[in-house]
Amino acid sequence: MHTLLVVLHVLAVVICVGPAMLLPWLGERALRERDGDRVHRAGRRTMLFNALTLAAALFGALATVTSDRYSFADAWLVIAATLYAVAVVNGAAVVPGVLARAGKELQDGHGVMDGELLEQHRGRLLALAGLNLVFYTAVVVLMAWRPGA
């Protein structure tokens, strides 16, 4: 049973975390191109894939419960879970919010947006997307490396 849960955990991570990390960058590209509809779609998809990472977390938690080797008290697991929680909140709520605001402003302005406002949205989006990339990368590294395990 443990092996099956680990396989499901890894499969869910591969399917969900990659898009969750990379979709905000498609939103940034659409923002640069001033395409409000694509910005909105990128925000919805970013929210969806970050929410779907909860399935990977569930399988990971079940794999830990059924493991004889790992425990929720392991420092690397506590750190990874904390980074994951921050990443999933950022990716499922904050980043999509930025994309939704920018997309709405573009749609309301029919693709016209002040250059300074556009750069503010881009800067905020790039910073938050970059943080998510770092957080998810750190989680993946900790899960693969398992220091001290």
Protein backbone atom coordinates (compact mmCIF):
# COMPACT_ATOMS: atom_id res chain seq x y z
CA MET A 1 0.00 0.00 0.00
CA HIS A 2 2.84 2.39 0.86
CA THR A 3 4.44 1.94 -2.55
CA LEU A 4 1.16 2.67 -4.31
CA LEU A 5 0.70 5.86 -2.27
CA VAL A 6 4.24 7.00 -3.09
CA VAL A 7 3.62 6.37 -6.80
CA LEU A 8 0.35 8.33 -6.66
CA HIS A 9 2.10 11.13 -4.75
CA VAL A 10 4.90 11.44 -7.30
CA LEU A 11 2.48 11.19 -10.23
CA ALA A 12 0.26 13.92 -8.78
CA VAL A 13 3.31 16.12 -8.19
CA VAL A 14 4.49 15.69 -11.77
CA ILE A 15 1.04 16.41 -13.21
CA CYS A 16 0.07 19.33 -10.95
CA VAL A 17 3.15 21.10 -9.58
CA GLY A 18 4.83 21.74 -12.93
CA PRO A 19 1.86 23.65 -14.36
CA ALA A 20 1.27 25.36 -11.00
CA MET A 21 4.82 26.71 -11.13
CA LEU A 22 4.80 27.73 -14.79
CA LEU A 23 1.29 29.04 -15.60
CA PRO A 24 1.83 32.49 -14.03
CA TRP A 25 4.57 33.06 -16.61
CA LEU A 26 2.00 32.56 -19.38
CA GLY A 27 -0.11 35.19 -17.65
CA GLU A 28 2.83 37.56 -17.67
CA ARG A 29 3.29 37.02 -21.38
CA ALA A 30 -0.40 37.71 -22.01
CA LEU A 31 -0.11 40.82 -19.82
CA ARG A 32 2.81 42.06 -21.90
CA GLU A 33 0.71 41.47 -25.02
CA ARG A 34 -2.21 43.30 -23.32
CA ASP A 35 -4.61 40.39 -23.84
CA GLY A 36 -7.08 40.57 -20.94
CA ASP A 37 -8.87 37.32 -21.78
CA ARG A 38 -5.65 35.30 -21.78
CA VAL A 39 -4.55 36.98 -18.54
CA HIS A 40 -7.84 35.89 -16.93
CA ARG A 41 -7.51 32.33 -18.27
CA ALA A 42 -3.95 32.10 -16.95
CA GLY A 43 -5.19 33.24 -13.53
CA ARG A 44 -7.96 30.64 -13.42
CA ARG A 45 -5.62 27.87 -14.53
CA THR A 46 -2.98 28.95 -12.02
CA MET A 47 -5.57 28.75 -9.26
CA LEU A 48 -6.80 25.36 -10.48
CA PHE A 49 -3.40 23.68 -10.70
CA ASN A 50 -2.27 25.10 -7.34
CA ALA A 51 -5.46 23.74 -5.79
CA LEU A 52 -4.88 20.38 -7.48
CA THR A 53 -1.50 20.13 -5.75
CA LEU A 54 -3.55 19.38 -2.63
CA ALA A 55 -4.09 15.90 -4.09
CA ALA A 56 -0.32 15.44 -4.20
CA ALA A 57 -0.09 16.67 -0.61
CA LEU A 58 -2.80 14.23 0.47
CA PHE A 59 -1.04 11.28 -1.16
CA GLY A 60 2.23 12.44 0.41
CA ALA A 61 0.65 12.63 3.85
CA LEU A 62 -0.86 9.16 3.43
CA ALA A 63 2.50 7.81 2.25
CA THR A 64 4.14 9.29 5.36
CA VAL A 65 1.52 7.76 7.65
CA THR A 66 2.06 4.31 6.11
CA SER A 67 5.87 4.62 6.15
CA ASP A 68 8.12 2.85 8.63
CA ARG A 69 11.01 5.12 7.70
CA TYR A 70 9.61 8.68 7.70
CA SER A 71 7.60 10.67 10.18
CA PHE A 72 5.91 14.07 10.35
CA ALA A 73 8.52 14.94 13.00
CA ASP A 74 11.36 14.83 10.44
CA ALA A 75 12.77 18.36 10.08
CA TRP A 76 13.01 18.20 6.29
CA LEU A 77 9.34 17.22 6.09
CA VAL A 78 8.24 20.03 8.41
CA ILE A 79 10.20 22.57 6.36
CA ALA A 80 8.89 21.20 3.06
CA ALA A 81 5.29 21.20 4.34
CA THR A 82 5.63 24.79 5.54
CA LEU A 83 7.10 25.95 2.22
CA TYR A 84 4.37 24.05 0.39
CA ALA A 85 1.62 25.71 2.45
CA VAL A 86 3.01 29.16 1.64
CA ALA A 87 3.36 28.25 -2.04
CA VAL A 88 -0.16 26.86 -2.38
CA VAL A 89 -1.75 29.92 -0.73
CA ASN A 90 0.35 32.25 -2.88
CA GLY A 91 -0.38 30.24 -6.02
CA ALA A 92 -4.08 29.60 -5.43
CA ALA A 93 -5.08 33.01 -4.06
CA VAL A 94 -2.50 35.78 -4.42
CA VAL A 95 -1.12 35.21 -7.93
CA PRO A 96 -4.57 34.59 -9.48
CA GLY A 97 -5.79 37.76 -7.76
CA VAL A 98 -3.07 39.81 -9.42
CA LEU A 99 -3.86 38.22 -12.77
CA ALA A 100 -7.60 38.81 -12.32
CA ARG A 101 -7.10 42.52 -11.51
CA ALA A 102 -4.75 43.03 -14.44
CA GLY A 103 -7.03 41.08 -16.80
CA LYS A 104 -10.09 43.07 -15.73
CA GLU A 105 -8.30 46.38 -16.21
CA LEU A 106 -7.20 45.28 -19.67
CA GLN A 107 -10.70 44.10 -20.57
CA ASP A 108 -12.29 47.31 -19.26
CA GLY A 109 -9.78 49.37 -21.24
CA HIS A 110 -10.16 47.19 -24.37
CA GLY A 111 -6.47 46.24 -24.28
CA VAL A 112 -5.29 49.74 -23.39
CA MET A 113 -3.45 50.22 -20.11
CA ASP A 114 -1.15 52.93 -18.88
CA GLY A 115 2.47 51.80 -19.27
CA GLU A 116 3.29 52.53 -15.65
CA LEU A 117 0.28 50.57 -14.38
CA LEU A 118 1.16 47.68 -16.70
CA GLU A 119 4.70 47.60 -15.30
CA GLN A 120 3.35 47.63 -11.73
CA HIS A 121 1.16 44.62 -12.47
CA ARG A 122 4.04 42.86 -14.26
CA GLY A 123 6.45 43.55 -11.41
CA ARG A 124 4.04 42.27 -8.78
CA LEU A 125 3.24 39.20 -10.88
CA LEU A 126 6.88 38.42 -11.61
CA ALA A 127 7.82 38.75 -7.93
CA LEU A 128 5.00 36.49 -6.73
CA ALA A 129 5.48 33.95 -9.53
CA GLY A 130 9.22 33.91 -8.82
CA LEU A 131 8.57 33.26 -5.14
CA ASN A 132 6.26 30.39 -6.00
CA LEU A 133 8.89 28.95 -8.31
CA VAL A 134 11.46 29.12 -5.49
CA PHE A 135 9.08 27.65 -2.88
CA TYR A 136 7.95 24.73 -5.04
CA THR A 137 11.54 24.08 -6.16
CA ALA A 138 12.70 23.98 -2.53
CA VAL A 139 9.89 21.55 -1.67
CA VAL A 140 10.80 19.25 -4.57
CA VAL A 141 14.50 19.36 -3.61
CA LEU A 142 13.72 18.56 0.03
CA MET A 143 11.41 15.71 -0.97
CA ALA A 144 13.99 14.19 -3.30
CA TRP A 145 17.02 14.81 -1.08
CA ARG A 146 15.47 14.07 2.35
CA PRO A 147 18.45 15.41 4.35
CA GLY A 148 19.14 13.44 7.50
CA ALA A 149 16.78 10.65 6.49
